[in-house]
Amino acid sequence: MSTTLAVVTVLTAAWVGFSGFSLLRRADFVVQPLVAYGVPRSWWTWLGAAKAAGAVGLLAGLAVPAIGVAAGIGLVVYFLGAVVTVLRARSYKTVVFPVLYLLPVVATLAVGAAA
């Protein structure tokens, strides 16, 4: 495993993990947009847990690459869904936020594929 892959993976996992933790603790900067986008409150814990599991999966992928790839693919699907949700809510100026989580996950998968 390359050092670049390890660094990119750890940074991405920390970033996504922060997002999951912020949702699980109901941070205002996460919750307010979800309300505006119409995401049901009953989904919030599951969405936060999915992000947290994805972050852990990325880290586990450093030892078992297939787990990291599966976690990365799951997170790509998750954040693409977030982009669609924001666009459906017609909140075009905030679509950058889920993209800021999507791009590092894509980069992690790309670095892993190149390693």
Protein backbone atom coordinates (compact mmCIF):
# COMPACT_ATOMS: atom_id res chain seq x y z
CA MET A 1 0.00 0.00 0.00
CA SER A 2 1.27 3.42 -0.89
CA THR A 3 1.70 6.25 1.57
CA THR A 4 -0.40 8.47 -0.70
CA LEU A 5 -3.30 6.02 -0.52
CA ALA A 6 -3.05 5.82 3.27
CA VAL A 7 -3.01 9.61 3.68
CA VAL A 8 -5.86 10.22 1.23
CA THR A 9 -7.92 7.45 2.81
CA VAL A 10 -7.42 8.67 6.38
CA LEU A 11 -8.22 12.27 5.46
CA THR A 12 -11.32 11.24 3.51
CA ALA A 13 -12.50 8.96 6.32
CA ALA A 14 -12.03 11.77 8.84
CA TRP A 15 -13.98 14.20 6.62
CA VAL A 16 -16.86 11.79 6.03
CA GLY A 17 -16.78 10.66 9.66
CA PHE A 18 -17.08 14.30 10.75
CA SER A 19 -20.13 14.63 8.53
CA GLY A 20 -21.70 11.50 9.98
CA PHE A 21 -20.95 12.55 13.56
CA SER A 22 -22.35 16.02 12.91
CA LEU A 23 -25.60 14.53 11.65
CA LEU A 24 -25.84 12.03 14.51
CA ARG A 25 -25.40 14.84 17.05
CA ARG A 26 -27.93 16.97 15.13
CA ALA A 27 -25.61 19.91 14.48
CA ASP A 28 -27.63 22.91 13.27
CA PHE A 29 -25.49 23.41 10.16
CA VAL A 30 -26.47 19.90 9.04
CA VAL A 31 -30.03 19.69 10.32
CA GLN A 32 -31.32 23.01 8.98
CA PRO A 33 -30.61 22.14 5.33
CA LEU A 34 -32.13 18.68 5.76
CA VAL A 35 -35.34 20.28 6.96
CA ALA A 36 -35.25 22.70 4.02
CA TYR A 37 -34.67 19.84 1.57
CA GLY A 38 -37.56 17.87 3.00
CA VAL A 39 -35.54 14.92 4.30
CA PRO A 40 -37.71 13.11 6.88
CA ARG A 41 -36.38 13.26 10.45
CA SER A 42 -36.86 9.50 10.72
CA TRP A 43 -34.06 9.08 8.18
CA TRP A 44 -31.45 11.24 9.93
CA THR A 45 -30.02 8.60 12.27
CA TRP A 46 -29.78 6.08 9.42
CA LEU A 47 -28.11 8.63 7.15
CA GLY A 48 -25.60 9.58 9.85
CA ALA A 49 -24.90 5.93 10.58
CA ALA A 50 -24.38 5.23 6.86
CA LYS A 51 -21.77 7.98 6.64
CA ALA A 52 -20.05 6.77 9.81
CA ALA A 53 -20.04 3.18 8.53
CA GLY A 54 -18.62 4.38 5.21
CA ALA A 55 -15.82 6.20 7.00
CA VAL A 56 -14.98 3.09 9.06
CA GLY A 57 -15.16 1.00 5.89
CA LEU A 58 -12.65 3.25 4.15
CA LEU A 59 -10.24 2.78 7.04
CA ALA A 60 -10.83 -0.98 7.10
CA GLY A 61 -10.00 -0.93 3.40
CA LEU A 62 -6.42 -0.13 4.28
CA ALA A 63 -6.17 -3.70 5.61
CA VAL A 64 -8.76 -5.38 3.35
CA PRO A 65 -8.97 -3.46 0.07
CA ALA A 66 -12.31 -4.98 -0.99
CA ILE A 67 -13.98 -3.46 2.09
CA GLY A 68 -12.57 -0.05 1.23
CA VAL A 69 -13.80 -0.30 -2.35
CA ALA A 70 -17.27 -1.35 -1.20
CA ALA A 71 -17.36 1.49 1.33
CA GLY A 72 -16.17 3.96 -1.29
CA ILE A 73 -18.80 2.87 -3.78
CA GLY A 74 -21.47 3.08 -1.09
CA LEU A 75 -20.36 6.60 -0.18
CA VAL A 76 -20.35 7.68 -3.83
CA VAL A 77 -23.94 6.47 -4.14
CA TYR A 78 -24.82 8.20 -0.85
CA PHE A 79 -23.37 11.56 -1.86
CA LEU A 80 -24.80 11.36 -5.39
CA GLY A 81 -28.16 10.88 -3.69
CA ALA A 82 -27.42 13.95 -1.58
CA VAL A 83 -26.66 15.96 -4.72
CA VAL A 84 -29.94 14.83 -6.27
CA THR A 85 -31.82 15.73 -3.07
CA VAL A 86 -30.35 19.24 -3.05
CA LEU A 87 -31.12 19.74 -6.74
CA ARG A 88 -34.69 18.47 -6.33
CA ALA A 89 -35.12 21.02 -3.54
CA ARG A 90 -33.92 23.66 -6.05
CA SER A 91 -31.20 24.77 -3.66
CA TYR A 92 -28.66 25.24 -6.42
CA LYS A 93 -26.30 27.45 -4.43
CA THR A 94 -25.85 24.75 -1.76
CA VAL A 95 -25.20 21.80 -4.08
CA VAL A 96 -21.50 22.39 -3.54
CA PHE A 97 -21.73 20.97 0.00
CA PRO A 98 -22.48 17.33 -0.86
CA VAL A 99 -19.99 17.63 -3.73
CA LEU A 100 -17.32 18.60 -1.17
CA TYR A 101 -17.83 15.16 0.38
CA LEU A 102 -18.28 13.28 -2.89
CA LEU A 103 -15.02 14.41 -4.51
CA PRO A 104 -12.64 13.16 -1.78
CA VAL A 105 -14.35 9.76 -1.85
CA VAL A 106 -13.94 9.59 -5.64
CA ALA A 107 -10.31 10.66 -5.24
CA THR A 108 -9.73 7.93 -2.67
CA LEU A 109 -11.15 5.31 -5.02
CA ALA A 110 -9.02 6.67 -7.89
CA VAL A 111 -5.82 6.65 -5.84
CA GLY A 112 -6.63 3.12 -4.67
CA ALA A 113 -7.20 1.96 -8.24
CA ALA A 114 -3.90 3.47 -9.34
CA ALA A 115 -1.93 1.94 -6.47
